[in-house]
Amino acid sequence: MINNLKHIEPLDRKQILTELPMASRHCLAGLEILERVDSTNHYALAQHLAPFACLAEYQTAGRGRQGRQWVSPYGSGLCLSLKQHYSTLNESLAGLNIALAVTVTRILHDLGITKVGLKWPNDILWQGKKLAGLLLEKRGNDVVIGIGLNVKMPAVETISQAWVDLYTIFEEHGLKKISRNTLASLLIAQCLDTLIRYPQIGLVSFLKDWHNFDLSYGQQVTLKFPQANSITGIACGIDEHGALLLQVGQHRQHYNYGEVSLRL
């Protein structure tokens, strides 16, 4: 489980809290750093506090979309979950998912990773390689967003798709490396802000950036469904609720689920 510990920057609760903006510190009801957990999303949903954040050095059962496993060796990335409680949430959860994906991508773009982009609904890619992913889950009026981000990964043979980590990108482009704890603070602060404000602002304020980050727009893509069937069309962005728009023949259709396959 533990690889090259001497090269790992441990997660530090005090440092993360210190680097959070004051408004975020005052708003956050709880923050925990876990050495080992099955899933940070599962752990966050079990807590009674909200807003609540937790990070883990290692997950034994980390999950991605479509029931896939999220592989992240000990201390090699960020496994973060944020929980928010809503008295009511009339806005689409698909839209919230999109808004949070845009929020994370904005942070990476601001760090100088200008070639980062989004594959609907929330896969974050760099030059076609997976850099980060999000998993939104709901229990009652509690919503939790799980964020998995590759920071400094060892070679991992069990990951089937092409992937990349932040440190590889920093080194290739001569960018200044960022502390894992500083990055955790940025993610918590900005994603928390999105979670809190989303019922008031909705998806509209994220649509322009989605379009700028959208890797599929204007491309022929195949949308695969869990039942193993699929449909092919031209990606035309998303609608006001976060659904994927596909031009299939003469018709533009809306899809709320599925796995996009595209060639970059």
C-alpha atoms as a PDB file:
ATOM      1  CA  MET A   1       0.000   0.000   0.000  1.00  0.00           C
ATOM      2  CA  ILE A   2       2.754   2.463   0.931  1.00  0.00           C
ATOM      3  CA  ASN A   3       5.224   3.455  -1.788  1.00  0.00           C
ATOM      4  CA  ASN A   4       8.274   5.737  -1.446  1.00  0.00           C
ATOM      5  CA  LEU A   5       7.136   7.392   1.780  1.00  0.00           C
ATOM      6  CA  LYS A   6      10.165   9.696   1.871  1.00  0.00           C
ATOM      7  CA  HIS A   7       8.854  11.441  -1.274  1.00  0.00           C
ATOM      8  CA  ILE A   8       5.352  11.980   0.115  1.00  0.00           C
ATOM      9  CA  GLU A   9       4.144  15.262   1.600  1.00  0.00           C
ATOM     10  CA  PRO A  10       1.752  14.174   4.374  1.00  0.00           C
ATOM     11  CA  LEU A  11      -1.627  15.817   4.589  1.00  0.00           C
ATOM     12  CA  ASP A  12      -1.625  18.325   7.436  1.00  0.00           C
ATOM     13  CA  ARG A  13      -4.952  19.475   8.890  1.00  0.00           C
ATOM     14  CA  LYS A  14      -3.437  22.548  10.565  1.00  0.00           C
ATOM     15  CA  GLN A  15      -1.750  23.723   7.363  1.00  0.00           C
ATOM     16  CA  ILE A  16      -4.889  23.182   5.288  1.00  0.00           C
ATOM     17  CA  LEU A  17      -7.013  25.146   7.760  1.00  0.00           C
ATOM     18  CA  THR A  18      -4.422  27.931   7.980  1.00  0.00           C
ATOM     19  CA  GLU A  19      -4.404  28.342   4.188  1.00  0.00           C
ATOM     20  CA  LEU A  20      -8.190  28.393   3.893  1.00  0.00           C
ATOM     21  CA  PRO A  21      -9.756  31.850   3.476  1.00  0.00           C
ATOM     22  CA  MET A  22     -11.353  33.056   6.699  1.00  0.00           C
ATOM     23  CA  ALA A  23     -14.863  32.786   5.241  1.00  0.00           C
ATOM     24  CA  SER A  24     -14.284  29.114   4.387  1.00  0.00           C
ATOM     25  CA  ARG A  25     -12.848  28.343   7.837  1.00  0.00           C
ATOM     26  CA  HIS A  26     -15.835  29.912   9.560  1.00  0.00           C
ATOM     27  CA  CYS A  27     -18.301  28.116   7.299  1.00  0.00           C
ATOM     28  CA  LEU A  28     -16.745  24.645   7.473  1.00  0.00           C
ATOM     29  CA  ALA A  29     -18.287  22.608  10.310  1.00  0.00           C
ATOM     30  CA  GLY A  30     -15.623  19.912  10.269  1.00  0.00           C
ATOM     31  CA  LEU A  31     -12.414  18.797   8.567  1.00  0.00           C
ATOM     32  CA  GLU A  32     -10.781  15.409   9.074  1.00  0.00           C
ATOM     33  CA  ILE A  33      -7.603  13.859   7.698  1.00  0.00           C
ATOM     34  CA  LEU A  34      -7.815  10.069   7.532  1.00  0.00           C
ATOM     35  CA  GLU A  35      -4.870   7.726   7.225  1.00  0.00           C
ATOM     36  CA  ARG A  36      -6.979   4.974   5.676  1.00  0.00           C
ATOM     37  CA  VAL A  37     -10.667   4.645   4.834  1.00  0.00           C
ATOM     38  CA  ASP A  38     -12.861   2.597   2.540  1.00  0.00           C
ATOM     39  CA  SER A  39     -14.266   5.654   0.746  1.00  0.00           C
ATOM     40  CA  THR A  40     -14.121   9.338   1.660  1.00  0.00           C
ATOM     41  CA  ASN A  41     -17.604   9.800   0.162  1.00  0.00           C
ATOM     42  CA  HIS A  42     -18.986   6.986   2.317  1.00  0.00           C
ATOM     43  CA  TYR A  43     -17.281   8.440   5.399  1.00  0.00           C
ATOM     44  CA  ALA A  44     -18.516  11.994   4.725  1.00  0.00           C
ATOM     45  CA  LEU A  45     -22.115  10.872   4.236  1.00  0.00           C
ATOM     46  CA  ALA A  46     -22.015   9.124   7.631  1.00  0.00           C
ATOM     47  CA  GLN A  47     -21.097  12.334   9.478  1.00  0.00           C
ATOM     48  CA  HIS A  48     -23.731  14.564  11.077  1.00  0.00           C
ATOM     49  CA  LEU A  49     -21.845  17.799  10.400  1.00  0.00           C
ATOM     50  CA  ALA A  50     -22.276  19.959   7.305  1.00  0.00           C
ATOM     51  CA  PRO A  51     -20.513  21.495   5.534  1.00  0.00           C
ATOM     52  CA  PHE A  52     -17.955  18.775   6.192  1.00  0.00           C
ATOM     53  CA  ALA A  53     -14.687  17.881   4.438  1.00  0.00           C
ATOM     54  CA  CYS A  54     -12.437  14.870   4.715  1.00  0.00           C
ATOM     55  CA  LEU A  55      -9.270  13.739   2.976  1.00  0.00           C
ATOM     56  CA  ALA A  56      -7.585  10.357   3.054  1.00  0.00           C
ATOM     57  CA  GLU A  57      -4.039   9.274   2.373  1.00  0.00           C
ATOM     58  CA  TYR A  58      -5.401   5.959   1.114  1.00  0.00           C
ATOM     59  CA  GLN A  59      -8.795   4.519   0.151  1.00  0.00           C
ATOM     60  CA  THR A  60      -9.385   0.774   0.157  1.00  0.00           C
ATOM     61  CA  ALA A  61     -12.567   1.077  -1.929  1.00  0.00           C
ATOM     62  CA  GLY A  62     -12.341   4.395  -3.743  1.00  0.00           C
ATOM     63  CA  ARG A  63     -14.952   4.715  -6.459  1.00  0.00           C
ATOM     64  CA  GLY A  64     -15.351   6.531  -9.735  1.00  0.00           C
ATOM     65  CA  ARG A  65     -18.294   6.838 -12.114  1.00  0.00           C
ATOM     66  CA  GLN A  66     -20.143   3.784 -13.471  1.00  0.00           C
ATOM     67  CA  GLY A  67     -19.037   1.767 -10.416  1.00  0.00           C
ATOM     68  CA  ARG A  68     -15.374   1.819 -11.397  1.00  0.00           C
ATOM     69  CA  GLN A  69     -12.584   1.661  -8.841  1.00  0.00           C
ATOM     70  CA  TRP A  70     -10.566   4.847  -8.268  1.00  0.00           C
ATOM     71  CA  VAL A  71      -6.932   3.761  -7.903  1.00  0.00           C
ATOM     72  CA  SER A  72      -4.678   6.072  -5.915  1.00  0.00           C
ATOM     73  CA  PRO A  73      -1.624   4.633  -4.122  1.00  0.00           C
ATOM     74  CA  TYR A  74      -0.832   5.891  -0.621  1.00  0.00           C
ATOM     75  CA  GLY A  75      -0.172   9.653  -0.523  1.00  0.00           C
ATOM     76  CA  SER A  76       0.040   9.965  -4.304  1.00  0.00           C
ATOM     77  CA  GLY A  77      -2.970  12.149  -4.917  1.00  0.00           C
ATOM     78  CA  LEU A  78      -5.835  13.959  -3.282  1.00  0.00           C
ATOM     79  CA  CYS A  79      -8.862  11.931  -2.204  1.00  0.00           C
ATOM     80  CA  LEU A  80     -11.257  14.618  -0.998  1.00  0.00           C
ATOM     81  CA  SER A  81     -14.950  14.590  -0.170  1.00  0.00           C
ATOM     82  CA  LEU A  82     -17.131  17.576   0.687  1.00  0.00           C
ATOM     83  CA  LYS A  83     -20.632  17.232   2.113  1.00  0.00           C
ATOM     84  CA  GLN A  84     -23.305  19.914   2.042  1.00  0.00           C
ATOM     85  CA  HIS A  85     -26.830  19.791   3.466  1.00  0.00           C
ATOM     86  CA  TYR A  86     -29.686  21.477   1.606  1.00  0.00           C
ATOM     87  CA  SER A  87     -33.081  22.221   3.092  1.00  0.00           C
ATOM     88  CA  THR A  88     -34.366  22.017  -0.481  1.00  0.00           C
ATOM     89  CA  LEU A  89     -32.521  21.613  -3.746  1.00  0.00           C
ATOM     90  CA  ASN A  90     -34.684  22.448  -6.719  1.00  0.00           C
ATOM     91  CA  GLU A  91     -31.743  22.798  -9.073  1.00  0.00           C
ATOM     92  CA  SER A  92     -30.581  19.777 -11.068  1.00  0.00           C
ATOM     93  CA  LEU A  93     -27.937  17.593  -9.432  1.00  0.00           C
ATOM     94  CA  ALA A  94     -26.537  17.030 -12.920  1.00  0.00           C
ATOM     95  CA  GLY A  95     -26.012  20.781 -13.097  1.00  0.00           C
ATOM     96  CA  LEU A  96     -24.290  20.813  -9.704  1.00  0.00           C
ATOM     97  CA  ASN A  97     -22.020  18.028 -10.908  1.00  0.00           C
ATOM     98  CA  ILE A  98     -21.060  20.148 -13.940  1.00  0.00           C
ATOM     99  CA  ALA A  99     -20.550  23.271 -11.806  1.00  0.00           C
ATOM    100  CA  LEU A 100     -18.139  21.444  -9.491  1.00  0.00           C
ATOM    101  CA  ALA A 101     -16.207  19.956 -12.420  1.00  0.00           C
ATOM    102  CA  VAL A 102     -15.817  23.461 -13.844  1.00  0.00           C
ATOM    103  CA  THR A 103     -14.714  24.728 -10.419  1.00  0.00           C
ATOM    104  CA  VAL A 104     -11.910  22.136 -10.167  1.00  0.00           C
ATOM    105  CA  THR A 105     -10.826  22.775 -13.759  1.00  0.00           C
ATOM    106  CA  ARG A 106     -10.676  26.534 -13.117  1.00  0.00           C
ATOM    107  CA  ILE A 107      -8.274  25.892 -10.238  1.00  0.00           C
ATOM    108  CA  LEU A 108      -5.998  23.761 -12.421  1.00  0.00           C
ATOM    109  CA  HIS A 109      -6.129  26.322 -15.225  1.00  0.00           C
ATOM    110  CA  ASP A 110      -5.129  29.059 -12.763  1.00  0.00           C
ATOM    111  CA  LEU A 111      -2.111  26.947 -11.782  1.00  0.00           C
ATOM    112  CA  GLY A 112      -0.899  27.215 -15.371  1.00  0.00           C
ATOM    113  CA  ILE A 113      -2.265  23.908 -16.678  1.00  0.00           C
ATOM    114  CA  THR A 114      -3.829  25.539 -19.714  1.00  0.00           C
ATOM    115  CA  LYS A 115      -4.355  22.364 -21.752  1.00  0.00           C
ATOM    116  CA  VAL A 116      -6.669  20.852 -19.178  1.00  0.00           C
ATOM    117  CA  GLY A 117     -10.223  20.114 -20.328  1.00  0.00           C
ATOM    118  CA  LEU A 118     -13.478  18.375 -19.452  1.00  0.00           C
ATOM    119  CA  LYS A 119     -15.125  15.267 -20.831  1.00  0.00           C
ATOM    120  CA  TRP A 120     -18.808  15.189 -19.959  1.00  0.00           C
ATOM    121  CA  PRO A 121     -19.890  15.111 -17.280  1.00  0.00           C
ATOM    122  CA  ASN A 122     -16.889  15.432 -14.956  1.00  0.00           C
ATOM    123  CA  ASP A 123     -13.728  13.729 -16.210  1.00  0.00           C
ATOM    124  CA  ILE A 124     -10.780  16.131 -16.150  1.00  0.00           C
ATOM    125  CA  LEU A 125      -8.232  15.356 -18.863  1.00  0.00           C
ATOM    126  CA  TRP A 126      -4.882  16.723 -19.928  1.00  0.00           C
ATOM    127  CA  GLN A 127      -3.871  15.930 -23.500  1.00  0.00           C
ATOM    128  CA  GLY A 128      -6.325  13.043 -23.495  1.00  0.00           C
ATOM    129  CA  LYS A 129      -5.075  11.568 -20.221  1.00  0.00           C
ATOM    130  CA  LYS A 130      -7.118  11.336 -17.025  1.00  0.00           C
ATOM    131  CA  LEU A 131      -5.919  13.796 -14.393  1.00  0.00           C
ATOM    132  CA  ALA A 132      -8.930  13.955 -12.070  1.00  0.00           C
ATOM    133  CA  GLY A 133     -12.498  12.793 -11.674  1.00  0.00           C
ATOM    134  CA  LEU A 134     -15.532  13.611  -9.560  1.00  0.00           C
ATOM    135  CA  LEU A 135     -18.297  11.489  -8.059  1.00  0.00           C
ATOM    136  CA  LEU A 136     -21.486  13.166  -6.808  1.00  0.00           C
ATOM    137  CA  GLU A 137     -23.743  11.230  -4.444  1.00  0.00           C
ATOM    138  CA  LYS A 138     -26.931  12.117  -2.555  1.00  0.00           C
ATOM    139  CA  ARG A 139     -28.569  10.782   0.570  1.00  0.00           C
ATOM    140  CA  GLY A 140     -31.767  12.556   1.532  1.00  0.00           C
ATOM    141  CA  ASN A 141     -30.937  16.265   1.454  1.00  0.00           C
ATOM    142  CA  ASP A 142     -27.221  15.619   1.916  1.00  0.00           C
ATOM    143  CA  VAL A 143     -25.004  15.906  -1.150  1.00  0.00           C
ATOM    144  CA  VAL A 144     -21.381  14.801  -1.192  1.00  0.00           C
ATOM    145  CA  ILE A 145     -18.856  15.425  -3.929  1.00  0.00           C
ATOM    146  CA  GLY A 146     -15.815  13.183  -4.111  1.00  0.00           C
ATOM    147  CA  ILE A 147     -12.750  14.501  -5.939  1.00  0.00           C
ATOM    148  CA  GLY A 148      -9.859  12.299  -6.958  1.00  0.00           C
ATOM    149  CA  LEU A 149      -6.817  14.125  -8.315  1.00  0.00           C
ATOM    150  CA  ASN A 150      -3.494  12.555  -9.322  1.00  0.00           C
ATOM    151  CA  VAL A 151      -0.648  14.583  -7.782  1.00  0.00           C
ATOM    152  CA  LYS A 152       2.523  12.491  -7.776  1.00  0.00           C
ATOM    153  CA  MET A 153       1.768   8.937  -8.833  1.00  0.00           C
ATOM    154  CA  PRO A 154       4.084   5.944  -9.024  1.00  0.00           C
ATOM    155  CA  ALA A 155       3.770   3.554 -11.969  1.00  0.00           C
ATOM    156  CA  VAL A 156       0.418   1.766 -11.635  1.00  0.00           C
ATOM    157  CA  GLU A 157      -0.294  -1.154 -13.945  1.00  0.00           C
ATOM    158  CA  THR A 158      -3.868  -1.716 -12.762  1.00  0.00           C
ATOM    159  CA  ILE A 159      -5.227   1.518 -14.283  1.00  0.00           C
ATOM    160  CA  SER A 160      -6.671   0.609 -17.677  1.00  0.00           C
ATOM    161  CA  GLN A 161      -7.022   4.109 -19.182  1.00  0.00           C
ATOM    162  CA  ALA A 162      -4.317   6.637 -19.996  1.00  0.00           C
ATOM    163  CA  TRP A 163      -3.576   8.865 -17.009  1.00  0.00           C
ATOM    164  CA  VAL A 164      -1.252  11.663 -15.939  1.00  0.00           C
ATOM    165  CA  ASP A 165      -0.360  13.406 -12.672  1.00  0.00           C
ATOM    166  CA  LEU A 166       0.224  17.046 -11.758  1.00  0.00           C
ATOM    167  CA  TYR A 167       3.951  16.721 -11.154  1.00  0.00           C
ATOM    168  CA  THR A 168       4.502  15.273 -14.636  1.00  0.00           C
ATOM    169  CA  ILE A 169       2.687  18.261 -16.146  1.00  0.00           C
ATOM    170  CA  PHE A 170       4.603  20.725 -13.961  1.00  0.00           C
ATOM    171  CA  GLU A 171       7.932  19.205 -14.973  1.00  0.00           C
ATOM    172  CA  GLU A 172       7.115  19.062 -18.696  1.00  0.00           C
ATOM    173  CA  HIS A 173       6.114  22.723 -18.804  1.00  0.00           C
ATOM    174  CA  GLY A 174       8.489  24.196 -16.246  1.00  0.00           C
ATOM    175  CA  LEU A 175       5.656  25.160 -13.898  1.00  0.00           C
ATOM    176  CA  LYS A 176       6.089  25.770 -10.194  1.00  0.00           C
ATOM    177  CA  LYS A 177       5.036  22.740  -8.157  1.00  0.00           C
ATOM    178  CA  ILE A 178       2.314  23.222  -5.568  1.00  0.00           C
ATOM    179  CA  SER A 179       2.116  21.744  -2.091  1.00  0.00           C
ATOM    180  CA  ARG A 180      -0.467  18.980  -1.759  1.00  0.00           C
ATOM    181  CA  ASN A 181      -1.847  20.761   1.315  1.00  0.00           C
ATOM    182  CA  THR A 182      -2.103  24.090  -0.506  1.00  0.00           C
ATOM    183  CA  LEU A 183      -3.943  22.354  -3.336  1.00  0.00           C
ATOM    184  CA  ALA A 184      -6.300  20.739  -0.823  1.00  0.00           C
ATOM    185  CA  SER A 185      -7.073  24.186   0.621  1.00  0.00           C
ATOM    186  CA  LEU A 186      -7.825  25.594  -2.834  1.00  0.00           C
ATOM    187  CA  LEU A 187     -10.156  22.720  -3.670  1.00  0.00           C
ATOM    188  CA  ILE A 188     -12.000  22.895  -0.353  1.00  0.00           C
ATOM    189  CA  ALA A 189     -12.454  26.672  -0.462  1.00  0.00           C
ATOM    190  CA  GLN A 190     -13.647  26.953  -4.045  1.00  0.00           C
ATOM    191  CA  CYS A 191     -15.765  23.798  -4.162  1.00  0.00           C
ATOM    192  CA  LEU A 192     -17.370  24.718  -0.852  1.00  0.00           C
ATOM    193  CA  ASP A 193     -18.231  28.126  -2.299  1.00  0.00           C
ATOM    194  CA  THR A 194     -19.843  26.438  -5.314  1.00  0.00           C
ATOM    195  CA  LEU A 195     -21.822  24.039  -3.105  1.00  0.00           C
ATOM    196  CA  ILE A 196     -23.119  26.862  -0.919  1.00  0.00           C
ATOM    197  CA  ARG A 197     -24.017  29.281  -3.698  1.00  0.00           C
ATOM    198  CA  TYR A 198     -25.361  26.831  -6.264  1.00  0.00           C
ATOM    199  CA  PRO A 199     -29.043  26.908  -5.163  1.00  0.00           C
ATOM    200  CA  GLN A 200     -29.013  30.678  -5.741  1.00  0.00           C
ATOM    201  CA  ILE A 201     -26.870  30.961  -8.880  1.00  0.00           C
ATOM    202  CA  GLY A 202     -27.566  27.645 -10.636  1.00  0.00           C
ATOM    203  CA  LEU A 203     -25.578  26.420 -13.609  1.00  0.00           C
ATOM    204  CA  VAL A 204     -25.787  29.563 -15.726  1.00  0.00           C
ATOM    205  CA  SER A 205     -22.612  31.180 -14.356  1.00  0.00           C
ATOM    206  CA  PHE A 206     -20.606  28.049 -15.208  1.00  0.00           C
ATOM    207  CA  LEU A 207     -21.803  27.533 -18.786  1.00  0.00           C
ATOM    208  CA  LYS A 208     -19.267  29.836 -20.457  1.00  0.00           C
ATOM    209  CA  ASP A 209     -16.328  28.096 -18.783  1.00  0.00           C
ATOM    210  CA  TRP A 210     -17.830  24.686 -19.540  1.00  0.00           C
ATOM    211  CA  HIS A 211     -17.884  25.619 -23.204  1.00  0.00           C
ATOM    212  CA  ASN A 212     -14.253  26.784 -23.010  1.00  0.00           C
ATOM    213  CA  PHE A 213     -13.144  23.549 -21.302  1.00  0.00           C
ATOM    214  CA  ASP A 214     -15.412  21.172 -23.293  1.00  0.00           C
ATOM    215  CA  LEU A 215     -13.242  18.642 -25.139  1.00  0.00           C
ATOM    216  CA  SER A 216     -16.188  17.089 -26.986  1.00  0.00           C
ATOM    217  CA  TYR A 217     -17.819  20.138 -28.561  1.00  0.00           C
ATOM    218  CA  GLY A 218     -18.265  19.736 -32.306  1.00  0.00           C
ATOM    219  CA  GLN A 219     -16.707  16.261 -32.209  1.00  0.00           C
ATOM    220  CA  GLN A 220     -18.285  12.966 -33.173  1.00  0.00           C
ATOM    221  CA  VAL A 221     -18.648  10.985 -29.970  1.00  0.00           C
ATOM    222  CA  THR A 222     -20.154   7.705 -28.889  1.00  0.00           C
ATOM    223  CA  LEU A 223     -22.318   7.717 -25.786  1.00  0.00           C
ATOM    224  CA  LYS A 224     -22.271   4.321 -24.087  1.00  0.00           C
ATOM    225  CA  PHE A 225     -24.978   3.180 -21.692  1.00  0.00           C
ATOM    226  CA  PRO A 226     -24.819   0.666 -18.819  1.00  0.00           C
ATOM    227  CA  GLN A 227     -26.975  -1.790 -20.786  1.00  0.00           C
ATOM    228  CA  ALA A 228     -24.084  -2.040 -23.308  1.00  0.00           C
ATOM    229  CA  ASN A 229     -25.922  -0.240 -26.109  1.00  0.00           C
ATOM    230  CA  SER A 230     -24.660   3.087 -27.460  1.00  0.00           C
ATOM    231  CA  ILE A 231     -25.467   6.017 -29.719  1.00  0.00           C
ATOM    232  CA  THR A 232     -23.190   8.133 -31.906  1.00  0.00           C
ATOM    233  CA  GLY A 233     -23.631  11.800 -32.728  1.00  0.00           C
ATOM    234  CA  ILE A 234     -22.035  15.235 -32.777  1.00  0.00           C
ATOM    235  CA  ALA A 235     -21.564  16.755 -29.317  1.00  0.00           C
ATOM    236  CA  CYS A 236     -23.230  20.175 -29.083  1.00  0.00           C
ATOM    237  CA  GLY A 237     -22.402  21.116 -25.497  1.00  0.00           C
ATOM    238  CA  ILE A 238     -24.834  20.900 -22.594  1.00  0.00           C
ATOM    239  CA  ASP A 239     -28.265  22.317 -21.817  1.00  0.00           C
ATOM    240  CA  GLU A 240     -29.224  24.553 -18.892  1.00  0.00           C
ATOM    241  CA  HIS A 241     -29.544  21.505 -16.611  1.00  0.00           C
ATOM    242  CA  GLY A 242     -26.190  19.932 -17.506  1.00  0.00           C
ATOM    243  CA  ALA A 243     -27.537  17.270 -19.885  1.00  0.00           C
ATOM    244  CA  LEU A 244     -25.356  16.344 -22.854  1.00  0.00           C
ATOM    245  CA  LEU A 245     -26.636  17.558 -26.234  1.00  0.00           C
ATOM    246  CA  LEU A 246     -26.079  15.202 -29.153  1.00  0.00           C
ATOM    247  CA  GLN A 247     -26.975  15.899 -32.766  1.00  0.00           C
ATOM    248  CA  VAL A 248     -28.120  12.540 -34.084  1.00  0.00           C
ATOM    249  CA  GLY A 249     -29.150  12.824 -37.703  1.00  0.00           C
ATOM    250  CA  GLN A 250     -31.694  15.636 -37.918  1.00  0.00           C
ATOM    251  CA  HIS A 251     -32.498  15.615 -34.218  1.00  0.00           C
ATOM    252  CA  ARG A 252     -30.790  17.178 -31.210  1.00  0.00           C
ATOM    253  CA  GLN A 253     -31.236  14.950 -28.194  1.00  0.00           C
ATOM    254  CA  HIS A 254     -30.633  15.421 -24.459  1.00  0.00           C
ATOM    255  CA  TYR A 255     -28.899  12.773 -22.317  1.00  0.00           C
ATOM    256  CA  ASN A 256     -28.528  12.789 -18.534  1.00  0.00           C
ATOM    257  CA  TYR A 257     -26.353   9.696 -18.168  1.00  0.00           C
ATOM    258  CA  GLY A 258     -23.904   7.561 -20.096  1.00  0.00           C
ATOM    259  CA  GLU A 259     -20.179   7.373 -20.791  1.00  0.00           C
ATOM    260  CA  VAL A 260     -18.721   9.552 -23.551  1.00  0.00           C
ATOM    261  CA  SER A 261     -16.077   8.034 -25.782  1.00  0.00           C
ATOM    262  CA  LEU A 262     -14.165  10.467 -27.959  1.00  0.00           C
ATOM    263  CA  ARG A 263     -10.974  10.668 -29.941  1.00  0.00           C
ATOM    264  CA  LEU A 264      -8.663  13.567 -29.087  1.00  0.00           C
END
